[in-house]
Amino acid sequence: MYADRGYDSQATRGILRFLGIEPHIGKRGTPHGSGLGRVRWVVERTISWLKGLRRMRVRYDRLGVIRDAWTSLAASAICFNILTHDTMAA
């Protein structure tokens, strides 16, 4: 799991290790430049792509199953766009 310095504590690291998750948390008091921003940017960009689709931004559906279906469809559309863009550029 990647997290910023706000989550840096031994308790958090211990819980993550107990759950079998390797923590990548910046240490407090260390200089910036850990490279975490490169990883977080990918996640934040993907979330913004999902929210760019109006159906995902404004939730009309209350059932979790339907929201999951729309999320899967949105992720599929994003992957399709990425794959077709890559093949067009090549």
PDB file of N, CA and C in Angstrom:
ATOM      1  N   MET A   1       0.839  -1.164   0.000  1.00  0.00           N
ATOM      2  CA  MET A   1       0.000   0.000   0.000  1.00  0.00           C
ATOM      3  C   MET A   1       0.887   1.231   0.000  1.00  0.00           C
ATOM      4  N   TYR A   2       0.555   2.184  -0.836  1.00  0.00           N
ATOM      5  CA  TYR A   2       1.274   3.442  -0.891  1.00  0.00           C
ATOM      6  C   TYR A   2       0.477   4.494  -0.131  1.00  0.00           C
ATOM      7  N   ALA A   3       1.174   5.238   0.711  1.00  0.00           N
ATOM      8  CA  ALA A   3       0.514   6.288   1.487  1.00  0.00           C
ATOM      9  C   ALA A   3       1.506   7.414   1.749  1.00  0.00           C
ATOM     10  N   ASP A   4       0.987   8.591   2.078  1.00  0.00           N
ATOM     11  CA  ASP A   4       1.873   9.711   2.352  1.00  0.00           C
ATOM     12  C   ASP A   4       2.248   9.746   3.830  1.00  0.00           C
ATOM     13  N   ARG A   5       3.005  10.761   4.208  1.00  0.00           N
ATOM     14  CA  ARG A   5       3.563  10.862   5.561  1.00  0.00           C
ATOM     15  C   ARG A   5       2.510  10.980   6.657  1.00  0.00           C
ATOM     16  N   GLY A   6       1.316  11.371   6.304  1.00  0.00           N
ATOM     17  CA  GLY A   6       0.253  11.501   7.299  1.00  0.00           C
ATOM     18  C   GLY A   6      -0.134  10.179   7.935  1.00  0.00           C
ATOM     19  N   TYR A   7       0.148   9.086   7.273  1.00  0.00           N
ATOM     20  CA  TYR A   7      -0.196   7.759   7.786  1.00  0.00           C
ATOM     21  C   TYR A   7       0.998   7.043   8.414  1.00  0.00           C
ATOM     22  N   ASP A   8       2.097   7.757   8.609  1.00  0.00           N
ATOM     23  CA  ASP A   8       3.304   7.136   9.141  1.00  0.00           C
ATOM     24  C   ASP A   8       3.179   6.911  10.641  1.00  0.00           C
ATOM     25  N   SER A   9       3.048   5.670  11.034  1.00  0.00           N
ATOM     26  CA  SER A   9       3.087   5.268  12.448  1.00  0.00           C
ATOM     27  C   SER A   9       3.388   3.776  12.508  1.00  0.00           C
ATOM     28  N   GLN A  10       3.962   3.366  13.605  1.00  0.00           N
ATOM     29  CA  GLN A  10       4.272   1.944  13.771  1.00  0.00           C
ATOM     30  C   GLN A  10       3.001   1.100  13.818  1.00  0.00           C
ATOM     31  N   ALA A  11       1.929   1.670  14.384  1.00  0.00           N
ATOM     32  CA  ALA A  11       0.672   0.921  14.473  1.00  0.00           C
ATOM     33  C   ALA A  11       0.115   0.636  13.069  1.00  0.00           C
ATOM     34  N   THR A  12       0.147   1.645  12.213  1.00  0.00           N
ATOM     35  CA  THR A  12      -0.350   1.462  10.851  1.00  0.00           C
ATOM     36  C   THR A  12       0.489   0.442  10.101  1.00  0.00           C
ATOM     37  N   ARG A  13       1.803   0.572  10.222  1.00  0.00           N
ATOM     38  CA  ARG A  13       2.680  -0.386   9.550  1.00  0.00           C
ATOM     39  C   ARG A  13       2.460  -1.803  10.083  1.00  0.00           C
ATOM     40  N   GLY A  14       2.270  -1.927  11.391  1.00  0.00           N
ATOM     41  CA  GLY A  14       2.049  -3.240  11.985  1.00  0.00           C
ATOM     42  C   GLY A  14       0.764  -3.890  11.509  1.00  0.00           C
ATOM     43  N   ILE A  15      -0.307  -3.098  11.433  1.00  0.00           N
ATOM     44  CA  ILE A  15      -1.587  -3.628  10.964  1.00  0.00           C
ATOM     45  C   ILE A  15      -1.478  -4.083   9.514  1.00  0.00           C
ATOM     46  N   LEU A  16      -0.818  -3.266   8.683  1.00  0.00           N
ATOM     47  CA  LEU A  16      -0.674  -3.640   7.276  1.00  0.00           C
ATOM     48  C   LEU A  16       0.141  -4.913   7.119  1.00  0.00           C
ATOM     49  N   ARG A  17       1.217  -5.029   7.872  1.00  0.00           N
ATOM     50  CA  ARG A  17       2.032  -6.253   7.777  1.00  0.00           C
ATOM     51  C   ARG A  17       1.258  -7.466   8.278  1.00  0.00           C
ATOM     52  N   PHE A  18       0.451  -7.279   9.325  1.00  0.00           N
ATOM     53  CA  PHE A  18      -0.376  -8.358   9.847  1.00  0.00           C
ATOM     54  C   PHE A  18      -1.356  -8.842   8.778  1.00  0.00           C
ATOM     55  N   LEU A  19      -1.881  -7.903   7.976  1.00  0.00           N
ATOM     56  CA  LEU A  19      -2.818  -8.252   6.918  1.00  0.00           C
ATOM     57  C   LEU A  19      -2.129  -8.769   5.664  1.00  0.00           C
ATOM     58  N   GLY A  20      -0.793  -8.800   5.686  1.00  0.00           N
ATOM     59  CA  GLY A  20      -0.049  -9.303   4.538  1.00  0.00           C
ATOM     60  C   GLY A  20       0.170  -8.262   3.451  1.00  0.00           C
ATOM     61  N   ILE A  21       0.074  -6.979   3.820  1.00  0.00           N
ATOM     62  CA  ILE A  21       0.247  -5.890   2.872  1.00  0.00           C
ATOM     63  C   ILE A  21       1.572  -5.217   3.162  1.00  0.00           C
ATOM     64  N   GLU A  22       2.381  -5.034   2.123  1.00  0.00           N
ATOM     65  CA  GLU A  22       3.663  -4.366   2.308  1.00  0.00           C
ATOM     66  C   GLU A  22       3.453  -2.854   2.277  1.00  0.00           C
ATOM     67  N   PRO A  23       3.739  -2.165   3.385  1.00  0.00           N
ATOM     68  CA  PRO A  23       3.514  -0.711   3.404  1.00  0.00           C
ATOM     69  C   PRO A  23       4.642   0.061   2.727  1.00  0.00           C
ATOM     70  N   HIS A  24       4.267   1.024   1.921  1.00  0.00           N
ATOM     71  CA  HIS A  24       5.196   1.978   1.315  1.00  0.00           C
ATOM     72  C   HIS A  24       4.741   3.352   1.784  1.00  0.00           C
ATOM     73  N   ILE A  25       5.121   3.695   2.994  1.00  0.00           N
ATOM     74  CA  ILE A  25       4.675   4.934   3.609  1.00  0.00           C
ATOM     75  C   ILE A  25       5.890   5.817   3.825  1.00  0.00           C
ATOM     76  N   GLY A  26       5.782   7.075   3.401  1.00  0.00           N
ATOM     77  CA  GLY A  26       6.882   8.009   3.604  1.00  0.00           C
ATOM     78  C   GLY A  26       7.125   8.263   5.085  1.00  0.00           C
ATOM     79  N   LYS A  27       8.362   8.349   5.468  1.00  0.00           N
ATOM     80  CA  LYS A  27       8.716   8.609   6.872  1.00  0.00           C
ATOM     81  C   LYS A  27       8.590  10.096   7.161  1.00  0.00           C
ATOM     82  N   ARG A  28       8.066  10.413   8.337  1.00  0.00           N
ATOM     83  CA  ARG A  28       7.962  11.811   8.748  1.00  0.00           C
ATOM     84  C   ARG A  28       9.343  12.389   8.992  1.00  0.00           C
ATOM     85  N   GLY A  29       9.509  13.647   8.624  1.00  0.00           N
ATOM     86  CA  GLY A  29      10.769  14.328   8.867  1.00  0.00           C
ATOM     87  C   GLY A  29      11.840  14.068   7.825  1.00  0.00           C
ATOM     88  N   THR A  30      11.555  13.260   6.821  1.00  0.00           N
ATOM     89  CA  THR A  30      12.533  13.009   5.761  1.00  0.00           C
ATOM     90  C   THR A  30      12.242  13.959   4.601  1.00  0.00           C
ATOM     91  N   PRO A  31      13.233  14.272   3.798  1.00  0.00           N
ATOM     92  CA  PRO A  31      12.992  15.178   2.668  1.00  0.00           C
ATOM     93  C   PRO A  31      12.081  14.538   1.627  1.00  0.00           C
ATOM     94  N   HIS A  32      11.402  15.384   0.880  1.00  0.00           N
ATOM     95  CA  HIS A  32      10.512  14.905  -0.176  1.00  0.00           C
ATOM     96  C   HIS A  32      11.342  14.358  -1.326  1.00  0.00           C
ATOM     97  N   GLY A  33      10.676  13.708  -2.230  1.00  0.00           N
ATOM     98  CA  GLY A  33      11.368  13.141  -3.374  1.00  0.00           C
ATOM     99  C   GLY A  33      11.446  11.631  -3.310  1.00  0.00           C
ATOM    100  N   SER A  34      10.496  11.025  -2.595  1.00  0.00           N
ATOM    101  CA  SER A  34      10.496   9.570  -2.464  1.00  0.00           C
ATOM    102  C   SER A  34      10.041   8.872  -3.738  1.00  0.00           C
ATOM    103  N   GLY A  35       9.385   9.615  -4.638  1.00  0.00           N
ATOM    104  CA  GLY A  35       8.868   9.006  -5.860  1.00  0.00           C
ATOM    105  C   GLY A  35       7.447   8.507  -5.717  1.00  0.00           C
ATOM    106  N   LEU A  36       6.842   8.711  -4.557  1.00  0.00           N
ATOM    107  CA  LEU A  36       5.478   8.250  -4.321  1.00  0.00           C
ATOM    108  C   LEU A  36       4.496   8.955  -5.246  1.00  0.00           C
ATOM    109  N   GLY A  37       4.794  10.192  -5.616  1.00  0.00           N
ATOM    110  CA  GLY A  37       3.887  10.946  -6.485  1.00  0.00           C
ATOM    111  C   GLY A  37       3.687  10.298  -7.835  1.00  0.00           C
ATOM    112  N   ARG A  38       4.696   9.612  -8.349  1.00  0.00           N
ATOM    113  CA  ARG A  38       4.541   8.931  -9.635  1.00  0.00           C
ATOM    114  C   ARG A  38       3.512   7.820  -9.544  1.00  0.00           C
ATOM    115  N   VAL A  39       3.484   7.122  -8.428  1.00  0.00           N
ATOM    116  CA  VAL A  39       2.530   6.025  -8.252  1.00  0.00           C
ATOM    117  C   VAL A  39       1.139   6.593  -7.968  1.00  0.00           C
ATOM    118  N   ARG A  40       1.074   7.601  -7.098  1.00  0.00           N
ATOM    119  CA  ARG A  40      -0.223   8.179  -6.752  1.00  0.00           C
ATOM    120  C   ARG A  40      -0.860   8.864  -7.943  1.00  0.00           C
ATOM    121  N   TRP A  41      -0.062   9.443  -8.834  1.00  0.00           N
ATOM    122  CA  TRP A  41      -0.605  10.140  -9.982  1.00  0.00           C
ATOM    123  C   TRP A  41      -1.396   9.181 -10.861  1.00  0.00           C
ATOM    124  N   VAL A  42      -0.924   7.969 -11.014  1.00  0.00           N
ATOM    125  CA  VAL A  42      -1.621   6.978 -11.835  1.00  0.00           C
ATOM    126  C   VAL A  42      -2.990   6.675 -11.229  1.00  0.00           C
ATOM    127  N   VAL A  43      -3.046   6.518  -9.926  1.00  0.00           N
ATOM    128  CA  VAL A  43      -4.309   6.217  -9.254  1.00  0.00           C
ATOM    129  C   VAL A  43      -5.257   7.403  -9.349  1.00  0.00           C
ATOM    130  N   GLU A  44      -4.769   8.597  -9.060  1.00  0.00           N
ATOM    131  CA  GLU A  44      -5.621   9.782  -9.104  1.00  0.00           C
ATOM    132  C   GLU A  44      -6.103  10.068 -10.519  1.00  0.00           C
ATOM    133  N   ARG A  45      -5.254   9.841 -11.514  1.00  0.00           N
ATOM    134  CA  ARG A  45      -5.655  10.032 -12.910  1.00  0.00           C
ATOM    135  C   ARG A  45      -6.775   9.068 -13.273  1.00  0.00           C
ATOM    136  N   THR A  46      -6.657   7.817 -12.861  1.00  0.00           N
ATOM    137  CA  THR A  46      -7.667   6.814 -13.184  1.00  0.00           C
ATOM    138  C   THR A  46      -8.995   7.156 -12.515  1.00  0.00           C
ATOM    139  N   ILE A  47      -8.946   7.603 -11.265  1.00  0.00           N
ATOM    140  CA  ILE A  47     -10.179   8.002 -10.582  1.00  0.00           C
ATOM    141  C   ILE A  47     -10.816   9.186 -11.297  1.00  0.00           C
ATOM    142  N   SER A  48     -10.007  10.138 -11.754  1.00  0.00           N
ATOM    143  CA  SER A  48     -10.573  11.281 -12.469  1.00  0.00           C
ATOM    144  C   SER A  48     -11.182  10.839 -13.801  1.00  0.00           C
ATOM    145  N   TRP A  49     -10.593   9.840 -14.468  1.00  0.00           N
ATOM    146  CA  TRP A  49     -11.188   9.316 -15.691  1.00  0.00           C
ATOM    147  C   TRP A  49     -12.541   8.690 -15.397  1.00  0.00           C
ATOM    148  N   LEU A  50     -12.625   7.945 -14.290  1.00  0.00           N
ATOM    149  CA  LEU A  50     -13.907   7.338 -13.928  1.00  0.00           C
ATOM    150  C   LEU A  50     -14.946   8.401 -13.620  1.00  0.00           C
ATOM    151  N   LYS A  51     -14.536   9.431 -12.899  1.00  0.00           N
ATOM    152  CA  LYS A  51     -15.473  10.500 -12.549  1.00  0.00           C
ATOM    153  C   LYS A  51     -15.815  11.380 -13.748  1.00  0.00           C
ATOM    154  N   GLY A  52     -15.008  11.305 -14.806  1.00  0.00           N
ATOM    155  CA  GLY A  52     -15.306  12.056 -16.019  1.00  0.00           C
ATOM    156  C   GLY A  52     -16.523  11.524 -16.748  1.00  0.00           C
ATOM    157  N   LEU A  53     -16.862  10.284 -16.504  1.00  0.00           N
ATOM    158  CA  LEU A  53     -18.066   9.708 -17.091  1.00  0.00           C
ATOM    159  C   LEU A  53     -19.250  10.093 -16.199  1.00  0.00           C
ATOM    160  N   ARG A  54     -20.221  10.788 -16.760  1.00  0.00           N
ATOM    161  CA  ARG A  54     -21.286  11.398 -15.958  1.00  0.00           C
ATOM    162  C   ARG A  54     -22.037  10.374 -15.105  1.00  0.00           C
ATOM    163  N   ARG A  55     -22.247   9.214 -15.629  1.00  0.00           N
ATOM    164  CA  ARG A  55     -22.998   8.206 -14.892  1.00  0.00           C
ATOM    165  C   ARG A  55     -22.269   7.814 -13.604  1.00  0.00           C
ATOM    166  N   MET A  56     -20.937   7.903 -13.607  1.00  0.00           N
ATOM    167  CA  MET A  56     -20.168   7.566 -12.423  1.00  0.00           C
ATOM    168  C   MET A  56     -20.080   8.763 -11.468  1.00  0.00           C
ATOM    169  N   ARG A  57     -20.184   9.973 -12.010  1.00  0.00           N
ATOM    170  CA  ARG A  57     -20.061  11.167 -11.184  1.00  0.00           C
ATOM    171  C   ARG A  57     -21.340  11.399 -10.382  1.00  0.00           C
ATOM    172  N   VAL A  58     -22.489  11.255 -11.027  1.00  0.00           N
ATOM    173  CA  VAL A  58     -23.777  11.441 -10.376  1.00  0.00           C
ATOM    174  C   VAL A  58     -24.400  10.063 -10.227  1.00  0.00           C
ATOM    175  N   ARG A  59     -24.503   9.608  -8.987  1.00  0.00           N
ATOM    176  CA  ARG A  59     -25.000   8.242  -8.766  1.00  0.00           C
ATOM    177  C   ARG A  59     -26.523   8.252  -8.683  1.00  0.00           C
ATOM    178  N   TYR A  60     -27.153   7.664  -9.679  1.00  0.00           N
ATOM    179  CA  TYR A  60     -28.602   7.561  -9.689  1.00  0.00           C
ATOM    180  C   TYR A  60     -29.053   6.255  -9.042  1.00  0.00           C
ATOM    181  N   ASP A  61     -28.196   5.261  -9.054  1.00  0.00           N
ATOM    182  CA  ASP A  61     -28.569   3.919  -8.609  1.00  0.00           C
ATOM    183  C   ASP A  61     -28.196   3.721  -7.148  1.00  0.00           C
ATOM    184  N   ARG A  62     -29.098   3.118  -6.410  1.00  0.00           N
ATOM    185  CA  ARG A  62     -28.834   2.877  -4.993  1.00  0.00           C
ATOM    186  C   ARG A  62     -28.282   1.481  -4.718  1.00  0.00           C
ATOM    187  N   LEU A  63     -28.569   0.550  -5.582  1.00  0.00           N
ATOM    188  CA  LEU A  63     -28.100  -0.816  -5.373  1.00  0.00           C
ATOM    189  C   LEU A  63     -26.613  -0.912  -5.685  1.00  0.00           C
ATOM    190  N   GLY A  64     -25.880  -1.539  -4.781  1.00  0.00           N
ATOM    191  CA  GLY A  64     -24.448  -1.690  -4.961  1.00  0.00           C
ATOM    192  C   GLY A  64     -24.085  -2.519  -6.179  1.00  0.00           C
ATOM    193  N   VAL A  65     -24.909  -3.488  -6.509  1.00  0.00           N
ATOM    194  CA  VAL A  65     -24.646  -4.350  -7.660  1.00  0.00           C
ATOM    195  C   VAL A  65     -24.680  -3.534  -8.952  1.00  0.00           C
ATOM    196  N   ILE A  66     -25.625  -2.632  -9.042  1.00  0.00           N
ATOM    197  CA  ILE A  66     -25.737  -1.811 -10.249  1.00  0.00           C
ATOM    198  C   ILE A  66     -24.567  -0.838 -10.336  1.00  0.00           C
ATOM    199  N   ARG A  67     -24.177  -0.250  -9.193  1.00  0.00           N
ATOM    200  CA  ARG A  67     -23.011   0.644  -9.192  1.00  0.00           C
ATOM    201  C   ARG A  67     -21.748  -0.107  -9.591  1.00  0.00           C
ATOM    202  N   ASP A  68     -21.605  -1.350  -9.108  1.00  0.00           N
ATOM    203  CA  ASP A  68     -20.449  -2.171  -9.496  1.00  0.00           C
ATOM    204  C   ASP A  68     -20.460  -2.449 -10.996  1.00  0.00           C
ATOM    205  N   ALA A  69     -21.636  -2.695 -11.539  1.00  0.00           N
ATOM    206  CA  ALA A  69     -21.739  -2.958 -12.977  1.00  0.00           C
ATOM    207  C   ALA A  69     -21.334  -1.720 -13.770  1.00  0.00           C
ATOM    208  N   TRP A  70     -21.781  -0.529 -13.348  1.00  0.00           N
ATOM    209  CA  TRP A  70     -21.393   0.703 -14.043  1.00  0.00           C
ATOM    210  C   TRP A  70     -19.903   0.964 -13.897  1.00  0.00           C
ATOM    211  N   THR A  71     -19.342   0.659 -12.736  1.00  0.00           N
ATOM    212  CA  THR A  71     -17.904   0.840 -12.541  1.00  0.00           C
ATOM    213  C   THR A  71     -17.118  -0.094 -13.455  1.00  0.00           C
ATOM    214  N   SER A  72     -17.561  -1.337 -13.570  1.00  0.00           N
ATOM    215  CA  SER A  72     -16.889  -2.286 -14.471  1.00  0.00           C
ATOM    216  C   SER A  72     -16.994  -1.835 -15.923  1.00  0.00           C
ATOM    217  N   LEU A  73     -18.164  -1.341 -16.297  1.00  0.00           N
ATOM    218  CA  LEU A  73     -18.346  -0.852 -17.658  1.00  0.00           C
ATOM    219  C   LEU A  73     -17.461   0.370 -17.924  1.00  0.00           C
ATOM    220  N   ALA A  74     -17.376   1.279 -16.955  1.00  0.00           N
ATOM    221  CA  ALA A  74     -16.529   2.463 -17.117  1.00  0.00           C
ATOM    222  C   ALA A  74     -15.060   2.065 -17.221  1.00  0.00           C
ATOM    223  N   ALA A  75     -14.621   1.132 -16.385  1.00  0.00           N
ATOM    224  CA  ALA A  75     -13.231   0.670 -16.452  1.00  0.00           C
ATOM    225  C   ALA A  75     -12.949  -0.001 -17.792  1.00  0.00           C
ATOM    226  N   SER A  76     -13.912  -0.748 -18.298  1.00  0.00           N
ATOM    227  CA  SER A  76     -13.745  -1.388 -19.604  1.00  0.00           C
ATOM    228  C   SER A  76     -13.638  -0.346 -20.713  1.00  0.00           C
ATOM    229  N   ALA A  77     -14.452   0.714 -20.627  1.00  0.00           N
ATOM    230  CA  ALA A  77     -14.398   1.776 -21.634  1.00  0.00           C
ATOM    231  C   ALA A  77     -13.057   2.494 -21.587  1.00  0.00           C
ATOM    232  N   ILE A  78     -12.539   2.735 -20.389  1.00  0.00           N
ATOM    233  CA  ILE A  78     -11.238   3.395 -20.241  1.00  0.00           C
ATOM    234  C   ILE A  78     -10.128   2.511 -20.817  1.00  0.00           C
ATOM    235  N   CYS A  79     -10.155   1.224 -20.497  1.00  0.00           N
ATOM    236  CA  CYS A  79      -9.144   0.303 -21.036  1.00  0.00           C
ATOM    237  C   CYS A  79      -9.238   0.224 -22.552  1.00  0.00           C
ATOM    238  N   PHE A  80     -10.459   0.188 -23.084  1.00  0.00           N
ATOM    239  CA  PHE A  80     -10.640   0.154 -24.536  1.00  0.00           C
ATOM    240  C   PHE A  80     -10.044   1.397 -25.185  1.00  0.00           C
ATOM    241  N   ASN A  81     -10.298   2.558 -24.593  1.00  0.00           N
ATOM    242  CA  ASN A  81      -9.749   3.802 -25.136  1.00  0.00           C
ATOM    243  C   ASN A  81      -8.228   3.802 -25.098  1.00  0.00           C
ATOM    244  N   ILE A  82      -7.649   3.306 -24.011  1.00  0.00           N
ATOM    245  CA  ILE A  82      -6.195   3.265 -23.897  1.00  0.00           C
ATOM    246  C   ILE A  82      -5.618   2.311 -24.947  1.00  0.00           C
ATOM    247  N   LEU A  83      -6.212   1.137 -25.077  1.00  0.00           N
ATOM    248  CA  LEU A  83      -5.695   0.151 -26.019  1.00  0.00           C
ATOM    249  C   LEU A  83      -5.845   0.596 -27.471  1.00  0.00           C
ATOM    250  N   THR A  84      -6.962   1.191 -27.814  1.00  0.00           N
ATOM    251  CA  THR A  84      -7.146   1.643 -29.192  1.00  0.00           C
ATOM    252  C   THR A  84      -6.265   2.846 -29.492  1.00  0.00           C
ATOM    253  N   HIS A  85      -6.040   3.702 -28.504  1.00  0.00           N
ATOM    254  CA  HIS A  85      -5.148   4.848 -28.702  1.00  0.00           C
ATOM    255  C   HIS A  85      -3.713   4.372 -28.918  1.00  0.00           C
ATOM    256  N   ASP A  86      -3.297   3.362 -28.148  1.00  0.00           N
ATOM    257  CA  ASP A  86      -1.945   2.829 -28.296  1.00  0.00           C
ATOM    258  C   ASP A  86      -1.749   2.178 -29.657  1.00  0.00           C
ATOM    259  N   THR A  87      -2.759   1.480 -30.160  1.00  0.00           N
ATOM    260  CA  THR A  87      -2.613   0.821 -31.448  1.00  0.00           C
ATOM    261  C   THR A  87      -2.676   1.823 -32.595  1.00  0.00           C
ATOM    262  N   MET A  88      -3.403   2.907 -32.395  1.00  0.00           N
ATOM    263  CA  MET A  88      -3.475   3.952 -33.424  1.00  0.00           C
ATOM    264  C   MET A  88      -2.150   4.692 -33.542  1.00  0.00           C
ATOM    265  N   ALA A  89      -1.467   4.866 -32.392  1.00  0.00           N
ATOM    266  CA  ALA A  89      -0.204   5.607 -32.390  1.00  0.00           C
ATOM    267  C   ALA A  89       0.932   4.783 -32.985  1.00  0.00           C
ATOM    268  N   ALA A  90       0.816   3.458 -32.909  1.00  0.00           N
ATOM    269  CA  ALA A  90       1.912   2.600 -33.389  1.00  0.00           C
ATOM    270  C   ALA A  90       1.949   2.451 -34.873  1.00  0.00           C
TER     271      ALA A  90
END
